[in-house]
């Protein structure tokens, strides 16, 4: 099982005129010693998020996914994401 760890920053407060509006969120994805930054809609579904990650990391998407998504909280603890509620 592969593990993806991403951290999220709401672009609403960090726009800096980069043509990114307040309806997107920045994801920093770490996978196999590489980091990738992507911007996705705030209202993205978990399935669409899995599809984006599968494409970026060249993973085969199964149901349920065979990889784990984690995010870092304010204390830098890795928290597993497995539902739409956790993504929101």
N, C-alpha and C. Protein backbone atom coordinates (compact mmCIF):
# COMPACT_ATOMS: atom_id res chain seq x y z
N UNK A 1 0.85 -1.18 0.00
CA UNK A 1 0.00 0.00 0.00
C UNK A 1 0.88 1.24 0.00
N UNK A 2 0.66 2.11 -0.93
CA UNK A 2 1.40 3.36 -1.01
C UNK A 2 0.79 4.38 -0.07
N UNK A 3 1.60 5.28 0.40
CA UNK A 3 1.09 6.33 1.28
C UNK A 3 1.36 7.68 0.66
N UNK A 4 0.34 8.50 0.59
CA UNK A 4 0.46 9.87 0.12
C UNK A 4 0.22 10.78 1.30
N UNK A 5 1.05 11.76 1.46
CA UNK A 5 0.82 12.75 2.50
C UNK A 5 0.72 14.10 1.82
N UNK A 6 -0.35 14.81 2.09
CA UNK A 6 -0.49 16.13 1.52
C UNK A 6 -0.84 17.12 2.62
N UNK A 7 -0.46 18.34 2.41
CA UNK A 7 -0.88 19.39 3.31
C UNK A 7 -1.65 20.41 2.49
N UNK A 8 -2.64 21.03 3.11
CA UNK A 8 -3.52 21.93 2.40
C UNK A 8 -3.39 23.34 2.95
N UNK A 9 -3.42 24.30 2.06
CA UNK A 9 -3.43 25.70 2.44
C UNK A 9 -4.55 26.37 1.68
N UNK A 10 -5.45 27.02 2.37
CA UNK A 10 -6.55 27.71 1.70
C UNK A 10 -6.00 28.95 1.01
N UNK A 11 -6.16 29.03 -0.29
CA UNK A 11 -5.64 30.13 -1.07
C UNK A 11 -6.38 31.44 -0.84
N UNK A 12 -7.49 31.40 -0.12
CA UNK A 12 -8.26 32.61 0.12
C UNK A 12 -7.39 33.67 0.79
N UNK A 13 -6.51 33.27 1.70
CA UNK A 13 -5.68 34.21 2.43
C UNK A 13 -4.27 34.32 1.86
N UNK A 14 -3.95 33.57 0.82
CA UNK A 14 -2.60 33.55 0.29
C UNK A 14 -2.59 33.77 -1.23
N UNK A 15 -3.47 34.57 -1.74
CA UNK A 15 -3.63 34.73 -3.17
C UNK A 15 -2.42 35.38 -3.82
N UNK A 16 -1.95 36.49 -3.32
CA UNK A 16 -0.78 37.20 -3.84
C UNK A 16 -0.85 37.43 -5.36
N UNK A 17 -2.05 37.63 -5.89
CA UNK A 17 -2.25 37.91 -7.30
C UNK A 17 -1.67 36.84 -8.22
N UNK A 18 -1.74 35.61 -7.86
CA UNK A 18 -1.23 34.51 -8.67
C UNK A 18 -2.30 33.93 -9.58
N UNK A 19 -3.38 34.67 -9.85
CA UNK A 19 -4.48 34.20 -10.67
C UNK A 19 -5.17 32.97 -10.09
N UNK A 20 -5.05 32.75 -8.82
CA UNK A 20 -5.74 31.68 -8.12
C UNK A 20 -6.82 32.35 -7.28
N UNK A 21 -8.07 31.97 -7.47
CA UNK A 21 -9.13 32.64 -6.73
C UNK A 21 -9.44 31.90 -5.43
N UNK A 22 -10.39 32.44 -4.67
CA UNK A 22 -10.71 31.89 -3.36
C UNK A 22 -11.54 30.61 -3.43
N UNK A 23 -11.78 30.09 -4.61
CA UNK A 23 -12.53 28.84 -4.74
C UNK A 23 -11.61 27.64 -4.93
N UNK A 24 -10.31 27.86 -4.82
CA UNK A 24 -9.35 26.76 -4.98
C UNK A 24 -8.58 26.53 -3.69
N UNK A 25 -7.98 25.37 -3.62
CA UNK A 25 -7.16 25.04 -2.48
C UNK A 25 -5.86 24.43 -3.00
N UNK A 26 -4.79 24.76 -2.34
CA UNK A 26 -3.46 24.29 -2.74
C UNK A 26 -3.15 22.98 -2.02
N UNK A 27 -2.72 21.99 -2.77
CA UNK A 27 -2.31 20.71 -2.22
C UNK A 27 -0.83 20.51 -2.50
N UNK A 28 -0.08 20.19 -1.49
CA UNK A 28 1.31 19.83 -1.64
C UNK A 28 1.37 18.33 -1.43
N UNK A 29 1.67 17.60 -2.50
CA UNK A 29 1.62 16.15 -2.48
C UNK A 29 3.03 15.60 -2.44
N UNK A 30 3.30 14.76 -1.45
CA UNK A 30 4.59 14.09 -1.33
C UNK A 30 4.39 12.62 -1.64
N UNK A 31 5.16 12.12 -2.61
CA UNK A 31 5.04 10.72 -3.00
C UNK A 31 6.36 10.27 -3.61
N UNK A 32 6.90 9.19 -3.10
CA UNK A 32 8.16 8.62 -3.57
C UNK A 32 9.26 9.67 -3.69
N UNK A 33 9.45 10.41 -2.64
CA UNK A 33 10.51 11.42 -2.50
C UNK A 33 10.38 12.57 -3.50
N UNK A 34 9.19 12.80 -4.03
CA UNK A 34 8.95 13.93 -4.90
C UNK A 34 7.78 14.73 -4.34
N UNK A 35 7.82 16.03 -4.57
CA UNK A 35 6.73 16.91 -4.14
C UNK A 35 6.10 17.55 -5.36
N UNK A 36 4.78 17.61 -5.37
CA UNK A 36 4.03 18.21 -6.46
C UNK A 36 2.98 19.14 -5.86
N UNK A 37 2.85 20.33 -6.43
CA UNK A 37 1.82 21.27 -5.98
C UNK A 37 0.72 21.31 -7.02
N UNK A 38 -0.52 21.15 -6.58
CA UNK A 38 -1.67 21.27 -7.46
C UNK A 38 -2.72 22.15 -6.80
N UNK A 39 -3.58 22.74 -7.61
CA UNK A 39 -4.69 23.55 -7.13
C UNK A 39 -5.97 22.89 -7.60
N UNK A 40 -6.86 22.62 -6.66
CA UNK A 40 -8.13 21.97 -6.96
C UNK A 40 -9.27 22.79 -6.36
N UNK A 41 -10.49 22.60 -6.85
CA UNK A 41 -11.64 23.34 -6.31
C UNK A 41 -11.89 22.99 -4.84
N UNK A 42 -12.35 23.97 -4.09
CA UNK A 42 -12.69 23.73 -2.69
C UNK A 42 -13.77 22.68 -2.53
N UNK A 43 -14.66 22.57 -3.50
CA UNK A 43 -15.79 21.65 -3.39
C UNK A 43 -15.52 20.31 -4.08
N UNK A 44 -14.28 19.90 -4.22
CA UNK A 44 -13.94 18.65 -4.90
C UNK A 44 -14.49 17.46 -4.10
N UNK A 45 -14.92 16.45 -4.83
CA UNK A 45 -15.40 15.24 -4.17
C UNK A 45 -14.22 14.32 -3.87
N UNK A 46 -14.41 13.43 -2.95
CA UNK A 46 -13.35 12.49 -2.60
C UNK A 46 -12.98 11.62 -3.80
N UNK A 47 -13.98 11.19 -4.58
CA UNK A 47 -13.70 10.38 -5.77
C UNK A 47 -12.86 11.15 -6.78
N UNK A 48 -13.19 12.41 -7.01
CA UNK A 48 -12.42 13.23 -7.95
C UNK A 48 -11.01 13.46 -7.41
N UNK A 49 -10.89 13.63 -6.10
CA UNK A 49 -9.57 13.81 -5.47
C UNK A 49 -8.73 12.54 -5.67
N UNK A 50 -9.32 11.37 -5.44
CA UNK A 50 -8.62 10.10 -5.68
C UNK A 50 -8.18 10.01 -7.14
N UNK A 51 -9.05 10.40 -8.06
CA UNK A 51 -8.70 10.35 -9.48
C UNK A 51 -7.51 11.25 -9.80
N UNK A 52 -7.50 12.47 -9.25
CA UNK A 52 -6.37 13.38 -9.47
C UNK A 52 -5.08 12.78 -8.92
N UNK A 53 -5.13 12.26 -7.71
CA UNK A 53 -3.93 11.68 -7.10
C UNK A 53 -3.44 10.47 -7.88
N UNK A 54 -4.36 9.64 -8.32
CA UNK A 54 -3.98 8.46 -9.10
C UNK A 54 -3.27 8.87 -10.38
N UNK A 55 -3.79 9.90 -11.03
CA UNK A 55 -3.20 10.37 -12.27
C UNK A 55 -1.81 10.98 -12.03
N UNK A 56 -1.69 11.83 -11.05
CA UNK A 56 -0.43 12.50 -10.76
C UNK A 56 0.66 11.52 -10.34
N UNK A 57 0.29 10.54 -9.53
CA UNK A 57 1.27 9.60 -8.98
C UNK A 57 1.36 8.30 -9.78
N UNK A 58 0.62 8.22 -10.87
CA UNK A 58 0.63 7.02 -11.73
C UNK A 58 0.26 5.76 -10.95
N UNK A 59 -0.83 5.87 -10.20
CA UNK A 59 -1.33 4.75 -9.42
C UNK A 59 -2.58 4.17 -10.08
N UNK A 60 -2.79 2.89 -9.90
CA UNK A 60 -4.02 2.26 -10.37
C UNK A 60 -5.10 2.50 -9.33
N UNK A 61 -6.22 3.05 -9.76
CA UNK A 61 -7.32 3.35 -8.84
C UNK A 61 -8.25 2.14 -8.76
N UNK A 62 -8.40 1.64 -7.56
CA UNK A 62 -9.32 0.53 -7.31
C UNK A 62 -10.39 0.99 -6.34
N UNK A 63 -11.39 0.17 -6.13
CA UNK A 63 -12.44 0.51 -5.17
C UNK A 63 -12.52 -0.59 -4.12
N UNK A 64 -12.12 -0.35 -2.89
CA UNK A 64 -11.57 0.90 -2.36
C UNK A 64 -10.13 1.11 -2.83
N UNK A 65 -9.64 2.36 -2.75
CA UNK A 65 -8.27 2.66 -3.18
C UNK A 65 -7.25 1.83 -2.39
N UNK A 66 -6.16 1.51 -3.05
CA UNK A 66 -5.11 0.72 -2.40
C UNK A 66 -4.01 1.62 -1.86
N UNK A 67 -4.28 2.91 -1.79
CA UNK A 67 -3.32 3.83 -1.19
C UNK A 67 -4.00 4.62 -0.08
N UNK A 68 -3.18 5.19 0.77
CA UNK A 68 -3.66 5.95 1.91
C UNK A 68 -3.36 7.42 1.71
N UNK A 69 -4.32 8.27 2.04
CA UNK A 69 -4.11 9.72 1.98
C UNK A 69 -4.05 10.23 3.41
N UNK A 70 -3.04 11.02 3.67
CA UNK A 70 -2.91 11.63 5.00
C UNK A 70 -2.68 13.12 4.83
N UNK A 71 -3.13 13.87 5.82
CA UNK A 71 -2.87 15.30 5.83
C UNK A 71 -2.20 15.65 7.15
N UNK A 72 -1.47 16.75 7.16
CA UNK A 72 -0.77 17.17 8.37
C UNK A 72 -1.58 18.24 9.07
N UNK A 73 -1.86 18.02 10.36
CA UNK A 73 -2.60 19.03 11.12
C UNK A 73 -1.63 20.10 11.63
N UNK A 74 -2.15 21.02 12.42
CA UNK A 74 -1.33 22.13 12.92
C UNK A 74 -0.13 21.67 13.74
N UNK A 75 -0.25 20.51 14.37
CA UNK A 75 0.84 19.96 15.19
C UNK A 75 1.77 19.06 14.35
N UNK A 76 1.52 19.02 13.04
CA UNK A 76 2.28 18.19 12.11
C UNK A 76 2.09 16.70 12.35
N UNK A 77 0.93 16.34 12.93
CA UNK A 77 0.56 14.94 13.07
C UNK A 77 -0.11 14.50 11.77
N UNK A 78 0.25 13.31 11.26
CA UNK A 78 -0.34 12.79 10.04
C UNK A 78 -1.70 12.18 10.36
N UNK A 79 -2.75 12.70 9.74
CA UNK A 79 -4.12 12.26 9.96
C UNK A 79 -4.63 11.58 8.68
N UNK A 80 -5.14 10.36 8.81
CA UNK A 80 -5.63 9.62 7.65
C UNK A 80 -6.96 10.20 7.18
N UNK A 81 -7.09 10.37 5.86
CA UNK A 81 -8.31 10.87 5.26
C UNK A 81 -9.00 9.71 4.54
N UNK A 82 -10.25 9.46 4.89
CA UNK A 82 -10.94 8.35 4.25
C UNK A 82 -12.40 8.62 3.95
N UNK A 83 -12.84 9.87 4.14
CA UNK A 83 -14.25 10.19 3.86
C UNK A 83 -14.37 11.59 3.29
N UNK A 84 -15.51 11.86 2.66
CA UNK A 84 -15.78 13.19 2.13
C UNK A 84 -15.76 14.24 3.23
N UNK A 85 -16.29 13.89 4.40
CA UNK A 85 -16.32 14.83 5.52
C UNK A 85 -14.90 15.26 5.92
N UNK A 86 -13.96 14.32 5.91
CA UNK A 86 -12.58 14.65 6.27
C UNK A 86 -11.92 15.51 5.20
N UNK A 87 -12.30 15.33 3.94
CA UNK A 87 -11.75 16.16 2.87
C UNK A 87 -12.27 17.57 2.97
N UNK A 88 -13.55 17.72 3.35
CA UNK A 88 -14.13 19.06 3.45
C UNK A 88 -13.46 19.80 4.58
